[in-house]
PDB file of N, CA and C in Angstrom:
ATOM      1  N   THR A   1     -18.695 -22.276  -7.646  1.00  0.00           N
ATOM      2  CA  THR A   1     -19.830 -21.733  -7.860  1.00  0.00           C
ATOM      3  C   THR A   1     -21.440 -22.319  -7.316  1.00  0.00           C
ATOM      4  N   GLY A   2     -20.841 -23.612  -7.410  1.00  0.00           N
ATOM      5  CA  GLY A   2     -22.070 -24.272  -6.958  1.00  0.00           C
ATOM      6  C   GLY A   2     -23.099 -24.990  -8.526  1.00  0.00           C
ATOM      7  N   ILE A   3     -22.622 -24.417  -9.589  1.00  0.00           N
ATOM      8  CA  ILE A   3     -23.470 -24.781 -10.551  1.00  0.00           C
ATOM      9  C   ILE A   3     -23.233 -26.137 -11.217  1.00  0.00           C
ATOM     10  N   ARG A   4     -24.368 -27.220 -11.355  1.00  0.00           N
ATOM     11  CA  ARG A   4     -23.744 -28.218 -11.607  1.00  0.00           C
ATOM     12  C   ARG A   4     -24.437 -28.651 -12.894  1.00  0.00           C
ATOM     13  N   VAL A   5     -25.068 -28.180 -13.968  1.00  0.00           N
ATOM     14  CA  VAL A   5     -25.387 -29.000 -15.160  1.00  0.00           C
ATOM     15  C   VAL A   5     -25.894 -27.656 -15.659  1.00  0.00           C
ATOM     16  N   GLY A   6     -25.380 -27.490 -17.332  1.00  0.00           N
ATOM     17  CA  GLY A   6     -25.885 -26.469 -17.848  1.00  0.00           C
ATOM     18  C   GLY A   6     -25.702 -26.936 -19.298  1.00  0.00           C
ATOM     19  N   GLY A   7     -26.721 -25.931 -20.183  1.00  0.00           N
ATOM     20  CA  GLY A   7     -26.468 -26.007 -21.776  1.00  0.00           C
ATOM     21  C   GLY A   7     -27.199 -25.044 -22.254  1.00  0.00           C
ATOM     22  N   ASP A   8     -26.952 -24.524 -23.632  1.00  0.00           N
ATOM     23  CA  ASP A   8     -27.213 -23.612 -24.272  1.00  0.00           C
ATOM     24  C   ASP A   8     -28.692 -23.537 -24.863  1.00  0.00           C
ATOM     25  N   ILE A   9     -29.475 -22.695 -24.985  1.00  0.00           N
ATOM     26  CA  ILE A   9     -31.071 -22.815 -25.295  1.00  0.00           C
ATOM     27  C   ILE A   9     -31.404 -22.516 -26.554  1.00  0.00           C
ATOM     28  N   SER A  10     -30.444 -22.184 -27.512  1.00  0.00           N
ATOM     29  CA  SER A  10     -30.536 -22.002 -29.127  1.00  0.00           C
ATOM     30  C   SER A  10     -31.504 -23.278 -29.339  1.00  0.00           C
ATOM     31  N   ASP A  11     -32.049 -24.023 -28.688  1.00  0.00           N
ATOM     32  CA  ASP A  11     -33.020 -24.730 -29.406  1.00  0.00           C
ATOM     33  C   ASP A  11     -34.443 -24.487 -28.596  1.00  0.00           C
ATOM     34  N   GLY A  12     -34.638 -23.215 -27.831  1.00  0.00           N
ATOM     35  CA  GLY A  12     -35.624 -23.046 -26.774  1.00  0.00           C
ATOM     36  C   GLY A  12     -35.420 -23.253 -25.474  1.00  0.00           C
ATOM     37  N   LEU A  13     -35.440 -22.245 -24.049  1.00  0.00           N
ATOM     38  CA  LEU A  13     -35.311 -22.667 -22.946  1.00  0.00           C
ATOM     39  C   LEU A  13     -36.024 -24.097 -22.336  1.00  0.00           C
ATOM     40  N   HIS A  14     -37.601 -24.280 -22.753  1.00  0.00           N
ATOM     41  CA  HIS A  14     -38.313 -25.309 -22.203  1.00  0.00           C
ATOM     42  C   HIS A  14     -37.827 -26.874 -22.671  1.00  0.00           C
ATOM     43  N   ARG A  15     -37.127 -26.560 -24.081  1.00  0.00           N
ATOM     44  CA  ARG A  15     -36.252 -28.175 -24.403  1.00  0.00           C
ATOM     45  C   ARG A  15     -35.252 -28.260 -23.928  1.00  0.00           C
ATOM     46  N   GLU A  16     -34.089 -26.972 -23.135  1.00  0.00           N
ATOM     47  CA  GLU A  16     -33.014 -27.273 -22.789  1.00  0.00           C
ATOM     48  C   GLU A  16     -33.356 -27.738 -21.045  1.00  0.00           C
ATOM     49  N   VAL A  17     -34.393 -27.453 -20.611  1.00  0.00           N
ATOM     50  CA  VAL A  17     -34.382 -27.546 -19.249  1.00  0.00           C
ATOM     51  C   VAL A  17     -34.848 -28.824 -19.247  1.00  0.00           C
ATOM     52  N   GLU A  18     -35.793 -29.483 -20.142  1.00  0.00           N
ATOM     53  CA  GLU A  18     -36.275 -30.834 -20.339  1.00  0.00           C
ATOM     54  C   GLU A  18     -34.885 -31.808 -20.454  1.00  0.00           C
ATOM     55  N   ARG A  19     -33.762 -31.449 -21.209  1.00  0.00           N
ATOM     56  CA  ARG A  19     -32.759 -32.271 -21.139  1.00  0.00           C
ATOM     57  C   ARG A  19     -32.047 -32.145 -19.846  1.00  0.00           C
ATOM     58  N   LEU A  20     -31.755 -31.103 -19.432  1.00  0.00           N
ATOM     59  CA  LEU A  20     -31.145 -30.841 -17.913  1.00  0.00           C
ATOM     60  C   LEU A  20     -31.914 -31.779 -17.172  1.00  0.00           C
ATOM     61  N   LEU A  21     -32.924 -32.002 -17.090  1.00  0.00           N
ATOM     62  CA  LEU A  21     -34.038 -32.879 -16.120  1.00  0.00           C
ATOM     63  C   LEU A  21     -33.979 -34.423 -16.387  1.00  0.00           C
ATOM     64  N   ASP A  22     -33.742 -34.588 -17.573  1.00  0.00           N
ATOM     65  CA  ASP A  22     -33.890 -35.814 -18.148  1.00  0.00           C
ATOM     66  C   ASP A  22     -33.275 -37.308 -17.364  1.00  0.00           C
ATOM     67  N   GLY A  23     -34.145 -37.776 -17.181  1.00  0.00           N
ATOM     68  CA  GLY A  23     -33.651 -38.858 -16.107  1.00  0.00           C
ATOM     69  C   GLY A  23     -33.481 -38.997 -14.357  1.00  0.00           C
ATOM     70  N   THR A  24     -33.792 -37.660 -13.851  1.00  0.00           N
ATOM     71  CA  THR A  24     -33.780 -37.117 -12.768  1.00  0.00           C
ATOM     72  C   THR A  24     -34.835 -37.584 -11.890  1.00  0.00           C
ATOM     73  N   ARG A  25     -35.889 -37.622 -12.299  1.00  0.00           N
ATOM     74  CA  ARG A  25     -37.722 -37.656 -11.745  1.00  0.00           C
ATOM     75  C   ARG A  25     -37.588 -36.281 -10.837  1.00  0.00           C
ATOM     76  N   LEU A  26     -37.012 -35.272 -11.513  1.00  0.00           N
ATOM     77  CA  LEU A  26     -37.241 -33.940 -11.351  1.00  0.00           C
ATOM     78  C   LEU A  26     -38.066 -33.128 -12.028  1.00  0.00           C
ATOM     79  N   GLY A  27     -38.623 -31.632 -11.617  1.00  0.00           N
ATOM     80  CA  GLY A  27     -39.427 -31.227 -12.425  1.00  0.00           C
ATOM     81  C   GLY A  27     -38.868 -30.012 -12.521  1.00  0.00           C
ATOM     82  N   ALA A  28     -39.862 -28.866 -12.877  1.00  0.00           N
ATOM     83  CA  ALA A  28     -39.383 -27.348 -12.779  1.00  0.00           C
ATOM     84  C   ALA A  28     -40.152 -26.487 -13.115  1.00  0.00           C
ATOM     85  N   THR A  29     -40.158 -25.436 -13.002  1.00  0.00           N
ATOM     86  CA  THR A  29     -41.220 -23.885 -12.666  1.00  0.00           C
ATOM     87  C   THR A  29     -40.321 -22.929 -13.642  1.00  0.00           C
ATOM     88  N   ILE A  30     -40.560 -22.288 -14.655  1.00  0.00           N
ATOM     89  CA  ILE A  30     -40.222 -20.795 -15.207  1.00  0.00           C
ATOM     90  C   ILE A  30     -41.452 -20.348 -14.963  1.00  0.00           C
ATOM     91  N   ASP A  31     -40.349 -19.139 -14.582  1.00  0.00           N
ATOM     92  CA  ASP A  31     -41.288 -17.747 -14.443  1.00  0.00           C
ATOM     93  C   ASP A  31     -41.230 -17.078 -15.280  1.00  0.00           C
ATOM     94  N   VAL A  32     -41.979 -16.956 -16.442  1.00  0.00           N
ATOM     95  CA  VAL A  32     -42.227 -16.171 -17.632  1.00  0.00           C
ATOM     96  C   VAL A  32     -42.107 -14.584 -17.105  1.00  0.00           C
ATOM     97  N   GLU A  33     -42.324 -14.153 -16.181  1.00  0.00           N
ATOM     98  CA  GLU A  33     -42.261 -12.713 -15.588  1.00  0.00           C
ATOM     99  C   GLU A  33     -40.398 -12.491 -15.396  1.00  0.00           C
ATOM    100  N   ARG A  34     -39.970 -13.637 -14.976  1.00  0.00           N
ATOM    101  CA  ARG A  34     -38.520 -13.109 -14.842  1.00  0.00           C
ATOM    102  C   ARG A  34     -37.343 -13.352 -15.900  1.00  0.00           C
ATOM    103  N   LEU A  35     -38.021 -13.841 -17.238  1.00  0.00           N
ATOM    104  CA  LEU A  35     -37.343 -13.963 -18.427  1.00  0.00           C
ATOM    105  C   LEU A  35     -36.483 -12.910 -18.989  1.00  0.00           C
ATOM    106  N   PRO A  36     -35.192 -12.375 -19.028  1.00  0.00           N
ATOM    107  CA  PRO A  36     -35.004 -11.369 -19.851  1.00  0.00           C
ATOM    108  C   PRO A  36     -35.609 -11.356 -21.639  1.00  0.00           C
ATOM    109  N   LEU A  37     -36.548 -10.744 -21.447  1.00  0.00           N
ATOM    110  CA  LEU A  37     -36.728 -10.900 -22.939  1.00  0.00           C
ATOM    111  C   LEU A  37     -36.036  -9.878 -23.734  1.00  0.00           C
ATOM    112  N   ALA A  38     -35.631 -10.047 -25.603  1.00  0.00           N
ATOM    113  CA  ALA A  38     -35.530  -8.714 -26.139  1.00  0.00           C
ATOM    114  C   ALA A  38     -35.660  -7.644 -26.165  1.00  0.00           C
ATOM    115  N   GLN A  39     -35.149  -6.755 -26.272  1.00  0.00           N
ATOM    116  CA  GLN A  39     -35.838  -5.120 -26.520  1.00  0.00           C
ATOM    117  C   GLN A  39     -36.832  -5.350 -27.750  1.00  0.00           C
ATOM    118  N   GLY A  40     -37.836  -4.855 -27.320  1.00  0.00           N
ATOM    119  CA  GLY A  40     -39.002  -4.895 -28.509  1.00  0.00           C
ATOM    120  C   GLY A  40     -40.200  -5.969 -28.143  1.00  0.00           C
ATOM    121  N   LEU A  41     -39.817  -6.734 -27.376  1.00  0.00           N
ATOM    122  CA  LEU A  41     -40.514  -7.856 -27.063  1.00  0.00           C
ATOM    123  C   LEU A  41     -41.444  -7.763 -25.853  1.00  0.00           C
ATOM    124  N   SER A  42     -42.606  -8.324 -26.199  1.00  0.00           N
ATOM    125  CA  SER A  42     -43.713  -7.269 -25.042  1.00  0.00           C
ATOM    126  C   SER A  42     -43.630  -8.685 -24.383  1.00  0.00           C
ATOM    127  N   ARG A  43     -44.072  -8.477 -22.924  1.00  0.00           N
ATOM    128  CA  ARG A  43     -44.355  -9.914 -21.770  1.00  0.00           C
ATOM    129  C   ARG A  43     -45.164 -10.621 -22.360  1.00  0.00           C
ATOM    130  N   LYS A  44     -46.395 -10.293 -23.139  1.00  0.00           N
ATOM    131  CA  LYS A  44     -47.359 -11.086 -23.936  1.00  0.00           C
ATOM    132  C   LYS A  44     -46.511 -12.178 -24.863  1.00  0.00           C
ATOM    133  N   GLU A  45     -45.367 -11.842 -25.497  1.00  0.00           N
ATOM    134  CA  GLU A  45     -45.200 -12.745 -26.506  1.00  0.00           C
ATOM    135  C   GLU A  45     -44.030 -13.480 -25.965  1.00  0.00           C
ATOM    136  N   TRP A  46     -43.865 -13.834 -24.242  1.00  0.00           N
ATOM    137  CA  TRP A  46     -42.753 -14.795 -23.780  1.00  0.00           C
ATOM    138  C   TRP A  46     -43.100 -16.114 -24.609  1.00  0.00           C
ATOM    139  N   ALA A  47     -43.701 -16.517 -25.164  1.00  0.00           N
ATOM    140  CA  ALA A  47     -44.013 -17.595 -25.297  1.00  0.00           C
ATOM    141  C   ALA A  47     -42.918 -18.290 -26.847  1.00  0.00           C
ATOM    142  N   LEU A  48     -42.548 -17.278 -27.265  1.00  0.00           N
ATOM    143  CA  LEU A  48     -41.215 -17.273 -28.386  1.00  0.00           C
ATOM    144  C   LEU A  48     -39.686 -17.246 -27.435  1.00  0.00           C
ATOM    145  N   ALA A  49     -39.416 -16.510 -26.409  1.00  0.00           N
ATOM    146  CA  ALA A  49     -38.453 -17.324 -25.536  1.00  0.00           C
ATOM    147  C   ALA A  49     -38.500 -18.722 -24.881  1.00  0.00           C
ATOM    148  N   VAL A  50     -39.493 -18.952 -24.757  1.00  0.00           N
ATOM    149  CA  VAL A  50     -39.604 -20.323 -23.635  1.00  0.00           C
ATOM    150  C   VAL A  50     -39.635 -21.467 -25.035  1.00  0.00           C
ATOM    151  N   LYS A  51     -40.255 -21.118 -26.019  1.00  0.00           N
ATOM    152  CA  LYS A  51     -40.333 -22.510 -27.190  1.00  0.00           C
ATOM    153  C   LYS A  51     -39.601 -22.143 -28.391  1.00  0.00           C
ATOM    154  N   ASP A  52     -39.254 -21.285 -29.016  1.00  0.00           N
ATOM    155  CA  ASP A  52     -38.790 -21.410 -30.185  1.00  0.00           C
ATOM    156  C   ASP A  52     -37.914 -20.111 -30.255  1.00  0.00           C
ATOM    157  N   SER A  53     -36.821 -20.069 -29.081  1.00  0.00           N
ATOM    158  CA  SER A  53     -35.863 -18.981 -29.227  1.00  0.00           C
ATOM    159  C   SER A  53     -34.435 -19.405 -30.108  1.00  0.00           C
ATOM    160  N   GLU A  54     -34.068 -18.844 -30.841  1.00  0.00           N
ATOM    161  CA  GLU A  54     -32.728 -19.001 -31.357  1.00  0.00           C
ATOM    162  C   GLU A  54     -31.738 -17.945 -30.521  1.00  0.00           C
ATOM    163  N   ASP A  55     -32.108 -17.837 -29.160  1.00  0.00           N
ATOM    164  CA  ASP A  55     -31.096 -17.375 -28.470  1.00  0.00           C
ATOM    165  C   ASP A  55     -29.855 -17.970 -28.105  1.00  0.00           C
ATOM    166  N   PHE A  56     -28.497 -16.835 -28.234  1.00  0.00           N
ATOM    167  CA  PHE A  56     -27.513 -18.049 -27.595  1.00  0.00           C
ATOM    168  C   PHE A  56     -26.969 -17.622 -26.171  1.00  0.00           C
ATOM    169  N   GLU A  57     -27.917 -17.663 -25.298  1.00  0.00           N
ATOM    170  CA  GLU A  57     -27.707 -18.006 -23.976  1.00  0.00           C
ATOM    171  C   GLU A  57     -27.364 -19.222 -23.262  1.00  0.00           C
ATOM    172  N   LEU A  58     -27.294 -19.523 -22.015  1.00  0.00           N
ATOM    173  CA  LEU A  58     -27.053 -20.369 -21.296  1.00  0.00           C
ATOM    174  C   LEU A  58     -28.408 -20.631 -20.212  1.00  0.00           C
ATOM    175  N   VAL A  59     -28.462 -21.776 -19.688  1.00  0.00           N
ATOM    176  CA  VAL A  59     -29.438 -22.381 -18.758  1.00  0.00           C
ATOM    177  C   VAL A  59     -28.109 -22.726 -17.736  1.00  0.00           C
ATOM    178  N   CYS A  60     -28.464 -22.617 -16.634  1.00  0.00           N
ATOM    179  CA  CYS A  60     -28.070 -24.009 -15.638  1.00  0.00           C
ATOM    180  C   CYS A  60     -28.377 -24.120 -14.066  1.00  0.00           C
ATOM    181  N   ALA A  61     -28.285 -25.062 -13.466  1.00  0.00           N
ATOM    182  CA  ALA A  61     -28.893 -25.356 -12.334  1.00  0.00           C
ATOM    183  C   ALA A  61     -27.757 -25.414 -10.891  1.00  0.00           C
ATOM    184  N   ALA A  62     -27.965 -24.640 -10.333  1.00  0.00           N
ATOM    185  CA  ALA A  62     -27.690 -24.652  -8.878  1.00  0.00           C
ATOM    186  C   ALA A  62     -28.612 -24.534  -7.695  1.00  0.00           C
ATOM    187  N   PRO A  63     -27.507 -25.160  -6.649  1.00  0.00           N
ATOM    188  CA  PRO A  63     -28.766 -25.290  -5.664  1.00  0.00           C
ATOM    189  C   PRO A  63     -28.561 -23.525  -5.101  1.00  0.00           C
ATOM    190  N   ALA A  64     -29.879 -23.249  -4.621  1.00  0.00           N
ATOM    191  CA  ALA A  64     -30.624 -21.869  -3.943  1.00  0.00           C
ATOM    192  C   ALA A  64     -29.620 -20.915  -3.227  1.00  0.00           C
ATOM    193  N   ALA A  65     -29.005 -22.118  -2.405  1.00  0.00           N
ATOM    194  CA  ALA A  65     -27.752 -21.252  -1.588  1.00  0.00           C
ATOM    195  C   ALA A  65     -26.893 -21.084  -2.112  1.00  0.00           C
ATOM    196  N   ARG A  66     -26.356 -21.629  -3.289  1.00  0.00           N
ATOM    197  CA  ARG A  66     -24.867 -21.065  -4.194  1.00  0.00           C
ATOM    198  C   ARG A  66     -25.330 -19.924  -5.015  1.00  0.00           C
ATOM    199  N   VAL A  67     -26.394 -19.576  -5.159  1.00  0.00           N
ATOM    200  CA  VAL A  67     -27.012 -18.540  -6.573  1.00  0.00           C
ATOM    201  C   VAL A  67     -25.913 -17.211  -6.057  1.00  0.00           C
ATOM    202  N   ALA A  68     -25.871 -16.775  -5.058  1.00  0.00           N
ATOM    203  CA  ALA A  68     -24.918 -15.319  -4.849  1.00  0.00           C
ATOM    204  C   ALA A  68     -23.690 -15.931  -4.927  1.00  0.00           C
ATOM    205  N   ALA A  69     -22.814 -16.756  -5.035  1.00  0.00           N
ATOM    206  CA  ALA A  69     -21.608 -17.251  -5.098  1.00  0.00           C
ATOM    207  C   ALA A  69     -21.763 -17.293  -6.807  1.00  0.00           C
ATOM    208  N   ALA A  70     -22.474 -17.907  -7.104  1.00  0.00           N
ATOM    209  CA  ALA A  70     -22.653 -18.154  -8.751  1.00  0.00           C
ATOM    210  C   ALA A  70     -22.528 -16.482  -9.170  1.00  0.00           C
ATOM    211  N   ARG A  71     -23.404 -15.748  -8.709  1.00  0.00           N
ATOM    212  CA  ARG A  71     -23.596 -14.433  -9.435  1.00  0.00           C
ATOM    213  C   ARG A  71     -22.207 -13.748  -9.258  1.00  0.00           C
ATOM    214  N   ARG A  72     -21.627 -13.741  -8.269  1.00  0.00           N
ATOM    215  CA  ARG A  72     -20.222 -12.711  -8.180  1.00  0.00           C
ATOM    216  C   ARG A  72     -19.253 -13.444  -8.950  1.00  0.00           C
ATOM    217  N   VAL A  73     -19.193 -14.667  -9.188  1.00  0.00           N
ATOM    218  CA  VAL A  73     -17.930 -15.249 -10.219  1.00  0.00           C
ATOM    219  C   VAL A  73     -18.522 -14.918 -11.596  1.00  0.00           C
ATOM    220  N   LEU A  74     -19.569 -14.980 -11.839  1.00  0.00           N
ATOM    221  CA  LEU A  74     -20.000 -14.417 -13.072  1.00  0.00           C
ATOM    222  C   LEU A  74     -19.853 -12.836 -13.398  1.00  0.00           C
ATOM    223  N   GLU A  75     -20.413 -12.212 -12.555  1.00  0.00           N
ATOM    224  CA  GLU A  75     -20.145 -10.465 -12.405  1.00  0.00           C
ATOM    225  C   GLU A  75     -18.388 -10.472 -13.044  1.00  0.00           C
ATOM    226  N   ARG A  76     -17.538 -11.052 -12.354  1.00  0.00           N
ATOM    227  CA  ARG A  76     -16.119 -10.851 -12.703  1.00  0.00           C
ATOM    228  C   ARG A  76     -15.884 -11.034 -13.864  1.00  0.00           C
ATOM    229  N   ILE A  77     -16.640 -11.457 -14.630  1.00  0.00           N
ATOM    230  CA  ILE A  77     -16.488 -11.706 -16.313  1.00  0.00           C
ATOM    231  C   ILE A  77     -17.455 -10.908 -16.842  1.00  0.00           C
ATOM    232  N   LYS A  78     -18.178 -10.172 -16.411  1.00  0.00           N
ATOM    233  CA  LYS A  78     -19.429  -9.308 -17.152  1.00  0.00           C
ATOM    234  C   LYS A  78     -20.030  -9.784 -17.595  1.00  0.00           C
ATOM    235  N   LEU A  79     -20.680 -11.248 -16.530  1.00  0.00           N
ATOM    236  CA  LEU A  79     -22.005 -12.492 -17.547  1.00  0.00           C
ATOM    237  C   LEU A  79     -22.962 -11.964 -16.258  1.00  0.00           C
ATOM    238  N   PRO A  80     -24.205 -11.186 -16.841  1.00  0.00           N
ATOM    239  CA  PRO A  80     -25.372 -11.318 -16.032  1.00  0.00           C
ATOM    240  C   PRO A  80     -25.696 -12.873 -15.678  1.00  0.00           C
ATOM    241  N   LEU A  81     -26.559 -13.277 -14.402  1.00  0.00           N
ATOM    242  CA  LEU A  81     -27.383 -13.815 -14.025  1.00  0.00           C
ATOM    243  C   LEU A  81     -28.229 -13.845 -13.663  1.00  0.00           C
ATOM    244  N   THR A  82     -29.385 -14.389 -14.707  1.00  0.00           N
ATOM    245  CA  THR A  82     -31.058 -14.118 -14.104  1.00  0.00           C
ATOM    246  C   THR A  82     -31.559 -15.465 -13.548  1.00  0.00           C
ATOM    247  N   VAL A  83     -32.158 -15.602 -12.182  1.00  0.00           N
ATOM    248  CA  VAL A  83     -32.739 -16.456 -12.157  1.00  0.00           C
ATOM    249  C   VAL A  83     -34.394 -16.492 -12.475  1.00  0.00           C
ATOM    250  N   VAL A  84     -34.388 -17.496 -13.305  1.00  0.00           N
ATOM    251  CA  VAL A  84     -35.839 -17.956 -14.053  1.00  0.00           C
ATOM    252  C   VAL A  84     -36.587 -18.416 -13.380  1.00  0.00           C
ATOM    253  N   GLY A  85     -36.241 -19.354 -12.486  1.00  0.00           N
ATOM    254  CA  GLY A  85     -37.546 -20.596 -11.721  1.00  0.00           C
ATOM    255  C   GLY A  85     -36.639 -21.140 -11.013  1.00  0.00           C
ATOM    256  N   GLU A  86     -37.028 -22.750 -10.688  1.00  0.00           N
ATOM    257  CA  GLU A  86     -36.997 -23.511  -9.716  1.00  0.00           C
ATOM    258  C   GLU A  86     -36.870 -24.848 -10.181  1.00  0.00           C
ATOM    259  N   ILE A  87     -36.126 -25.773  -9.280  1.00  0.00           N
ATOM    260  CA  ILE A  87     -36.107 -27.014  -9.816  1.00  0.00           C
ATOM    261  C   ILE A  87     -37.056 -27.650  -8.666  1.00  0.00           C
ATOM    262  N   ASP A  88     -37.839 -28.825  -9.003  1.00  0.00           N
ATOM    263  CA  ASP A  88     -38.000 -29.364  -7.668  1.00  0.00           C
ATOM    264  C   ASP A  88     -38.732 -30.883  -7.671  1.00  0.00           C
ATOM    265  N   ALA A  89     -39.807 -31.244  -6.997  1.00  0.00           N
ATOM    266  CA  ALA A  89     -39.770 -32.951  -7.030  1.00  0.00           C
ATOM    267  C   ALA A  89     -41.336 -33.292  -7.797  1.00  0.00           C
ATOM    268  N   ARG A  90     -41.501 -32.017  -8.240  1.00  0.00           N
ATOM    269  CA  ARG A  90     -42.958 -32.350  -8.946  1.00  0.00           C
ATOM    270  C   ARG A  90     -42.451 -32.636 -10.769  1.00  0.00           C
ATOM    271  N   PRO A  91     -42.905 -33.747 -10.809  1.00  0.00           N
ATOM    272  CA  PRO A  91     -42.550 -33.924 -12.420  1.00  0.00           C
ATOM    273  C   PRO A  91     -43.105 -32.761 -13.408  1.00  0.00           C
ATOM    274  N   GLY A  92     -42.739 -32.616 -14.785  1.00  0.00           N
ATOM    275  CA  GLY A  92     -43.045 -32.008 -15.843  1.00  0.00           C
ATOM    276  C   GLY A  92     -42.451 -30.540 -15.529  1.00  0.00           C
ATOM    277  N   ILE A  93     -42.801 -29.826 -16.323  1.00  0.00           N
ATOM    278  CA  ILE A  93     -42.145 -28.342 -16.441  1.00  0.00           C
ATOM    279  C   ILE A  93     -43.424 -27.566 -16.681  1.00  0.00           C
ATOM    280  N   ARG A  94     -43.608 -27.008 -15.639  1.00  0.00           N
ATOM    281  CA  ARG A  94     -44.833 -25.910 -15.749  1.00  0.00           C
ATOM    282  C   ARG A  94     -43.968 -24.438 -15.832  1.00  0.00           C
ATOM    283  N   LEU A  95     -45.104 -23.783 -16.503  1.00  0.00           N
ATOM    284  CA  LEU A  95     -44.806 -22.162 -16.634  1.00  0.00           C
ATOM    285  C   LEU A  95     -45.632 -21.383 -15.518  1.00  0.00           C
ATOM    286  N   ARG A  96     -45.078 -20.391 -14.794  1.00  0.00           N
ATOM    287  CA  ARG A  96     -45.492 -19.440 -13.746  1.00  0.00           C
ATOM    288  C   ARG A  96     -45.572 -18.424 -14.635  1.00  0.00           C
ATOM    289  N   ASN A  97     -46.982 -17.470 -15.079  1.00  0.00           N
ATOM    290  CA  ASN A  97     -47.102 -16.143 -15.600  1.00  0.00           C
ATOM    291  C   ASN A  97     -47.914 -15.683 -14.927  1.00  0.00           C
ATOM    292  N   GLY A  98     -47.928 -14.909 -13.836  1.00  0.00           N
ATOM    293  CA  GLY A  98     -48.485 -14.423 -12.852  1.00  0.00           C
ATOM    294  C   GLY A  98     -48.732 -15.305 -11.864  1.00  0.00           C
ATOM    295  N   SER A  99     -50.367 -15.093 -11.730  1.00  0.00           N
ATOM    296  CA  SER A  99     -51.155 -16.392 -10.901  1.00  0.00           C
ATOM    297  C   SER A  99     -51.186 -17.367 -11.897  1.00  0.00           C
ATOM    298  N   ARG A 100     -51.271 -17.660 -13.113  1.00  0.00           N
ATOM    299  CA  ARG A 100     -51.569 -18.625 -14.004  1.00  0.00           C
ATOM    300  C   ARG A 100     -50.421 -19.460 -14.069  1.00  0.00           C
ATOM    301  N   MET A 101     -50.582 -21.136 -14.116  1.00  0.00           N
ATOM    302  CA  MET A 101     -49.663 -21.757 -13.969  1.00  0.00           C
ATOM    303  C   MET A 101     -50.308 -22.924 -15.322  1.00  0.00           C
ATOM    304  N   GLU A 102     -49.200 -23.234 -16.544  1.00  0.00           N
ATOM    305  CA  GLU A 102     -49.582 -24.088 -17.309  1.00  0.00           C
ATOM    306  C   GLU A 102     -48.682 -24.992 -17.440  1.00  0.00           C
ATOM    307  N   ARG A 103     -48.846 -25.723 -18.247  1.00  0.00           N
ATOM    308  CA  ARG A 103     -47.764 -26.817 -18.608  1.00  0.00           C
ATOM    309  C   ARG A 103     -47.705 -26.881 -20.020  1.00  0.00           C
ATOM    310  N   LEU A 104     -46.290 -26.848 -20.305  1.00  0.00           N
ATOM    311  CA  LEU A 104     -45.826 -27.056 -21.781  1.00  0.00           C
ATOM    312  C   LEU A 104     -45.234 -27.971 -22.253  1.00  0.00           C
ATOM    313  N   GLN A 105     -45.543 -29.001 -23.112  1.00  0.00           N
ATOM    314  CA  GLN A 105     -44.771 -29.923 -24.172  1.00  0.00           C
ATOM    315  C   GLN A 105     -44.257 -29.784 -24.940  1.00  0.00           C
ATOM    316  N   GLY A 106     -43.353 -30.566 -25.579  1.00  0.00           N
ATOM    317  CA  GLY A 106     -43.167 -30.638 -26.992  1.00  0.00           C
ATOM    318  C   GLY A 106     -42.441 -29.408 -27.237  1.00  0.00           C
ATOM    319  N   ALA A 107     -42.203 -28.452 -26.544  1.00  0.00           N
ATOM    320  CA  ALA A 107     -41.864 -26.686 -27.357  1.00  0.00           C
ATOM    321  C   ALA A 107     -39.925 -27.020 -27.501  1.00  0.00           C
ATOM    322  N   GLY A 108     -40.044 -26.326 -28.442  1.00  0.00           N
ATOM    323  CA  GLY A 108     -38.176 -26.319 -28.473  1.00  0.00           C
ATOM    324  C   GLY A 108     -38.460 -26.896 -29.995  1.00  0.00           C
ATOM    325  N   TYR A 109     -36.917 -26.842 -30.721  1.00  0.00           N
ATOM    326  CA  TYR A 109     -36.662 -27.168 -31.767  1.00  0.00           C
ATOM    327  C   TYR A 109     -36.087 -28.850 -31.687  1.00  0.00           C
ATOM    328  N   GLU A 110     -35.990 -29.901 -32.390  1.00  0.00           N
ATOM    329  CA  GLU A 110     -35.282 -31.052 -32.397  1.00  0.00           C
ATOM    330  C   GLU A 110     -34.592 -31.374 -33.549  1.00  0.00           C
ATOM    331  N   HIS A 111     -33.355 -31.554 -33.333  1.00  0.00           N
ATOM    332  CA  HIS A 111     -32.867 -31.612 -34.704  1.00  0.00           C
ATOM    333  C   HIS A 111     -32.656 -33.195 -35.286  1.00  0.00           C
ATOM    334  N   PHE A 112     -32.982 -34.137 -34.642  1.00  0.00           N
ATOM    335  CA  PHE A 112     -33.092 -35.511 -35.146  1.00  0.00           C
ATOM    336  C   PHE A 112     -34.154 -36.245 -34.720  1.00  0.00           C
ATOM    337  N   ARG A 113     -35.668 -36.157 -35.596  1.00  0.00           N
ATOM    338  CA  ARG A 113     -36.464 -36.527 -35.410  1.00  0.00           C
ATOM    339  C   ARG A 113     -36.679 -37.673 -36.370  1.00  0.00           C
TER     340      ARG A 113
END
């Protein structure tokens, strides 16, 4: 499928993306308008989905050229695939909300502090 790395986002999407990128010198942009939010959660409440979620979803990374193949494989087992961002060479994690870009640090739950 081309999926290289993944993890669950029960500690928050932002925290898990940080973990996926740890030690890589890469960064990411999360497009909050693409997030599959729970029914009843407004687009204005996207921060809950990024920072402090208790969602039991998976986040993974794959080359852009392999997304269609990954989607086909996951469809066979009735799992949706939603592309919510990109990994790039710019350090840090950025959130794109329409035309606004912002950086978010220290979001998510840490079990051992």
